[in-house]
Protein backbone atom coordinates (compact mmCIF):
# COMPACT_ATOMS: atom_id res chain seq x y z
CA MET A 1 -1.33 -14.54 17.07
CA VAL A 2 -3.29 -11.51 15.27
CA GLU A 3 -6.96 -12.18 16.50
CA TYR A 4 -8.78 -13.47 13.45
CA ASP A 5 -11.47 -10.80 11.52
CA ALA A 6 -13.83 -12.58 9.12
CA ARG A 7 -13.71 -9.31 6.76
CA ARG A 8 -9.80 -8.93 6.89
CA GLY A 9 -9.59 -12.75 6.51
CA ALA A 10 -11.20 -12.45 3.13
CA ILE A 11 -9.32 -9.51 2.01
CA PHE A 12 -5.93 -10.14 3.22
CA PRO A 13 -5.33 -13.49 1.19
CA SER A 14 -6.69 -12.02 -2.14
CA ARG A 15 -4.45 -8.78 -1.76
CA LEU A 16 -1.13 -10.71 -0.86
CA ALA A 17 -1.92 -13.13 -4.01
CA ARG A 18 -2.22 -10.46 -6.08
CA ILE A 19 0.62 -8.50 -5.41
CA MET A 20 2.53 -11.73 -5.15
CA LYS A 21 1.54 -12.52 -8.50
CA GLU A 22 2.35 -8.96 -10.00
CA LYS A 23 5.82 -8.96 -8.55
CA ARG A 24 6.15 -12.91 -9.40
CA LEU A 25 7.23 -13.81 -5.96
CA SER A 26 6.64 -17.55 -4.83
CA GLN A 27 5.87 -18.29 -1.35
CA SER A 28 9.33 -19.57 -0.92
CA GLU A 29 10.54 -16.42 -1.91
CA ILE A 30 8.38 -14.29 0.13
CA ALA A 31 8.99 -16.65 3.38
CA LYS A 32 12.87 -15.94 3.14
CA LYS A 33 12.14 -12.30 3.26
CA VAL A 34 9.75 -12.07 6.10
CA GLY A 35 11.47 -14.99 8.03
CA TYR A 36 8.83 -17.49 7.96
CA THR A 37 7.77 -20.75 6.30
CA PRO A 38 6.31 -21.31 3.06
CA THR A 39 3.51 -23.22 5.13
CA ALA A 40 2.65 -20.10 6.89
CA ILE A 41 2.60 -18.01 3.78
CA TRP A 42 0.31 -20.89 2.32
CA ASN A 43 -1.80 -20.63 5.52
CA TRP A 44 -2.19 -16.54 5.08
CA LEU A 45 -3.13 -17.24 1.39
CA GLN A 46 -5.99 -19.75 2.54
CA GLY A 47 -6.97 -17.37 4.59
CA ASN A 48 -6.46 -19.87 7.76
CA THR A 49 -4.27 -17.41 9.74
CA LEU A 50 -3.41 -13.52 9.74
CA PRO A 51 0.49 -12.74 10.20
CA ARG A 52 1.51 -10.89 13.41
CA PRO A 53 1.77 -7.00 13.20
CA GLU A 54 5.59 -7.16 13.62
CA THR A 55 5.47 -9.46 10.38
CA LEU A 56 2.74 -7.68 8.72
CA ALA A 57 5.21 -4.32 8.63
CA SER A 58 7.87 -6.64 7.29
CA LEU A 59 5.70 -8.03 4.42
CA ALA A 60 4.21 -4.79 3.50
CA GLU A 61 7.77 -3.46 3.40
CA THR A 62 8.82 -6.20 1.28
CA LEU A 63 6.21 -6.03 -1.41
CA ASN A 64 6.32 -2.28 -1.25
CA VAL A 65 2.68 -1.68 -0.04
CA ARG A 66 0.78 -0.58 2.78
CA GLU A 67 0.06 -2.52 5.64
CA GLU A 68 -3.47 -1.15 5.75
CA TRP A 69 -3.94 -2.12 2.24
CA LEU A 70 -3.20 -5.52 2.68
CA MET A 71 -5.57 -5.88 5.34
CA GLY A 72 -8.39 -4.12 3.52
CA GLU A 73 -8.14 -0.90 5.69
CA THR A 74 -7.60 1.40 2.88
CA GLU A 75 -7.39 1.68 -1.08
CA GLN A 76 -4.28 3.66 -1.20
CA ARG A 77 -1.81 0.93 -1.76
CA SER A 78 1.79 2.48 -2.65
CA ARG A 79 3.87 3.52 0.25
CA GLY A 80 4.21 7.26 -0.52
CA PRO A 81 7.03 9.61 0.38
CA ILE A 82 5.86 9.81 4.15
CA ASP A 83 6.38 5.99 4.59
CA GLU A 84 9.69 5.97 3.07
CA GLY A 85 10.98 8.54 5.64
CA ILE A 86 10.65 11.44 3.21
CA GLU A 87 8.76 14.78 4.66
CA ALA A 88 5.63 15.79 2.52
CA THR A 89 5.92 19.15 1.08
CA GLU A 90 3.40 21.31 2.02
CA VAL A 91 1.82 23.92 -0.49
CA GLU A 92 -0.30 26.96 0.21
CA ASP A 93 -3.47 27.31 -1.91
CA GLU A 94 -5.05 30.62 -1.88
CA SER A 95 -8.45 29.16 -3.17
CA GLY A 96 -9.57 28.30 0.61
CA ILE A 97 -11.47 30.43 2.89
CA GLU A 98 -10.78 33.69 2.91
CA GLY A 99 -8.08 34.99 4.60
CA GLU A 100 -7.19 31.16 5.28
CA PRO A 101 -4.91 29.36 2.87
CA GLN A 102 -5.68 25.61 2.13
CA VAL A 103 -2.68 23.36 3.14
CA PHE A 104 -2.05 20.31 1.31
CA SER A 105 0.55 17.63 0.44
CA ILE A 106 1.80 16.93 -2.96
CA SER A 107 2.50 13.54 -2.16
CA LEU A 108 -1.23 12.87 -1.13
CA LEU A 109 -2.48 14.79 -3.92
CA VAL A 110 -0.18 13.18 -6.57
CA GLU A 111 -1.40 9.44 -4.91
CA SER A 112 -4.71 10.65 -5.20
CA LEU A 113 -4.53 11.43 -9.15
CA ARG A 114 -2.95 8.00 -9.51
CA THR A 115 -5.73 6.36 -7.80
CA GLU A 116 -7.80 8.00 -10.44
CA LEU A 117 -6.08 7.41 -13.16
CA ALA A 118 -5.78 3.43 -12.15
CA SER A 119 -9.89 3.64 -11.76
CA ALA A 120 -10.51 5.64 -15.10
CA THR A 121 -8.13 3.38 -17.16
CA GLY A 122 -8.02 -0.19 -15.58
CA PHE A 123 -4.31 -0.47 -14.77
CA GLU A 124 -3.44 -1.19 -11.96
CA LEU A 125 -1.99 1.35 -9.46
CA GLU A 126 1.62 0.07 -9.92
CA GLN A 127 1.58 0.51 -13.53
CA ILE A 128 1.01 4.17 -13.10
CA LYS A 129 3.85 6.53 -12.12
CA ILE A 130 3.67 10.21 -12.22
CA LYS A 131 6.57 12.60 -12.57
CA VAL A 132 6.40 16.03 -11.18
CA GLU A 133 8.83 18.73 -12.16
CA PHE A 134 8.97 22.22 -10.71
CA ALA A 135 10.66 24.57 -13.10
CA SER A 136 12.42 27.54 -11.34
């Protein structure tokens, strides 16, 4: 059993309920996907208990969100390319310190832009899709 943390105990249930509602998943459906009973899911939603780390990982994967987001440790909700086993592409930017190009991850840049767009427009992060094409 995961040690109960009051802050996480308040954030986790609301985030789980929100993502379940968005994806139109019932407690029974989630329970089947992660191998728990609907009663266990109910307890999570009530804030009575927290899932074990291995269950949290399965739950996050099933819902296509980050474990850290579910637990309130980050606002970055979506699982990005790195989480899905795809290496991030690194690009050099000549605008850095003279003689030292900055290196950044395209996936992090796109995710940051999605987060800003969600905040500015009021749309949920999952509703914002960005397509990047590189012309040759």
